[in-house]
Amino acid sequence: MNAWGAAALVLLIASVPVCLWVAARGSVVRRLAGVCLLSSVVGGVFLLLPPAYQRSSYQDLALMLAVLSPAGTLVFTRFVAGRNRAPEGSEREGGGG
C-alpha cells in the first residue's frame, strides 16, 4: 500500500462513520448535511484511488459522483418535503364538522 492508498483509507476510517451517524440521527436538515458530507468524502476517496492503483479510469467515478450528488440531494430534499405536505383537497386545519 502506498501513501495514496493510506490516505484514502484514513479518510474512509475517520469520516465515514461520522457521516453515517449524522445521517442516521437528528433533524431532517442534519441528516441532509450528513448525506452531502458523505458524498463529498466518497468523492475525495475516489480522487485518491487513481494514483494509488495507477489507473486513471477510476477518476471517472469521482466525476460521476460530483455530477450526480447534487441531483440526489435535490431528490432527497423533495422527498422529505413532500412527506410533510398534505394532499391537495384535504383539510388539515380541522374546520368543524
Protein backbone atom coordinates (compact mmCIF):
# COMPACT_ATOMS: atom_id res chain seq x y z
CA MET A 1 0.00 0.00 0.00
CA ASN A 2 1.41 3.37 -0.96
CA ALA A 3 0.76 6.81 0.50
CA TRP A 4 -2.27 7.44 -1.74
CA GLY A 5 -3.97 4.26 -0.60
CA ALA A 6 -3.17 5.00 3.02
CA ALA A 7 -4.65 8.50 2.67
CA ALA A 8 -7.84 7.06 1.16
CA LEU A 9 -8.08 4.51 3.97
CA VAL A 10 -7.56 7.15 6.66
CA LEU A 11 -10.21 9.36 5.06
CA LEU A 12 -12.66 6.46 4.99
CA ILE A 13 -12.00 5.33 8.54
CA ALA A 14 -12.04 8.81 10.04
CA SER A 15 -15.02 10.40 8.35
CA VAL A 16 -17.46 7.81 7.00
CA PRO A 17 -18.70 6.61 10.43
CA VAL A 18 -19.26 10.21 11.49
CA CYS A 19 -21.18 10.98 8.30
CA LEU A 20 -23.33 7.88 8.69
CA TRP A 21 -24.04 8.71 12.33
CA VAL A 22 -25.15 12.23 11.40
CA ALA A 23 -27.24 10.89 8.51
CA ALA A 24 -28.98 8.40 10.81
CA ARG A 25 -29.82 10.73 13.70
CA GLY A 26 -31.11 14.21 14.27
CA SER A 27 -33.38 16.51 12.35
CA VAL A 28 -34.01 16.36 8.64
CA VAL A 29 -31.58 19.19 7.97
CA ARG A 30 -28.79 17.42 9.86
CA ARG A 31 -29.49 14.18 8.00
CA LEU A 32 -29.29 16.04 4.71
CA ALA A 33 -25.98 17.59 5.79
CA GLY A 34 -24.65 14.13 6.68
CA VAL A 35 -25.59 12.73 3.29
CA CYS A 36 -24.00 15.70 1.50
CA LEU A 37 -20.83 15.38 3.55
CA LEU A 38 -20.69 11.65 2.88
CA SER A 39 -20.87 12.21 -0.87
CA SER A 40 -18.03 14.73 -0.62
CA VAL A 41 -15.90 12.31 1.38
CA VAL A 42 -16.52 9.47 -1.06
CA GLY A 43 -15.66 11.82 -3.93
CA GLY A 44 -12.37 12.61 -2.22
CA VAL A 45 -11.66 8.92 -1.78
CA PHE A 46 -12.40 8.34 -5.46
CA LEU A 47 -9.87 11.05 -6.29
CA LEU A 48 -7.22 9.38 -4.12
CA LEU A 49 -7.66 5.92 -5.63
CA PRO A 50 -6.36 6.54 -9.19
CA PRO A 51 -2.82 7.44 -8.10
CA ALA A 52 -2.89 4.57 -5.58
CA TYR A 53 -3.59 1.94 -8.25
CA GLN A 54 -2.12 3.76 -11.29
CA ARG A 55 -5.43 3.60 -13.14
CA SER A 56 -6.74 6.87 -14.50
CA SER A 57 -10.13 5.38 -15.33
CA TYR A 58 -11.05 5.49 -11.63
CA GLN A 59 -11.28 9.28 -11.91
CA ASP A 60 -14.49 8.79 -13.87
CA LEU A 61 -16.16 7.59 -10.67
CA ALA A 62 -15.28 10.84 -8.93
CA LEU A 63 -16.59 12.86 -11.87
CA MET A 64 -19.82 10.89 -11.97
CA LEU A 65 -20.33 11.30 -8.24
CA ALA A 66 -19.67 15.04 -8.49
CA VAL A 67 -22.36 15.33 -11.16
CA LEU A 68 -24.95 13.04 -9.57
CA SER A 69 -24.56 14.04 -5.92
CA PRO A 70 -26.35 17.41 -6.12
CA ALA A 71 -29.19 15.77 -8.04
CA GLY A 72 -29.50 13.12 -5.34
CA THR A 73 -29.58 15.82 -2.69
CA LEU A 74 -32.40 17.59 -4.51
CA VAL A 75 -34.37 14.35 -4.82
CA PHE A 76 -33.89 13.62 -1.12
CA THR A 77 -35.00 17.14 -0.20
CA ARG A 78 -38.05 16.91 -2.44
CA PHE A 79 -38.99 13.52 -0.96
CA VAL A 80 -38.72 14.77 2.62
CA ALA A 81 -40.57 18.00 1.85
CA GLY A 82 -43.30 16.03 0.07
CA ARG A 83 -43.96 13.85 3.11
CA ASN A 84 -44.75 16.83 5.31
CA ARG A 85 -47.34 18.31 2.99
CA ALA A 86 -50.98 17.30 2.99
CA PRO A 87 -52.52 16.01 -0.23
CA GLU A 88 -54.43 18.62 -2.18
CA GLY A 89 -58.08 18.72 -1.34
CA SER A 90 -57.74 17.54 2.25
CA GLU A 91 -58.22 19.82 5.20
CA ARG A 92 -55.58 19.71 7.92
CA GLU A 93 -56.92 22.60 9.93
CA GLY A 94 -59.86 20.69 11.27
CA GLY A 95 -62.62 23.11 10.39
CA GLY A 96 -65.74 21.85 12.16
CA GLY A 97 -67.83 19.01 11.14
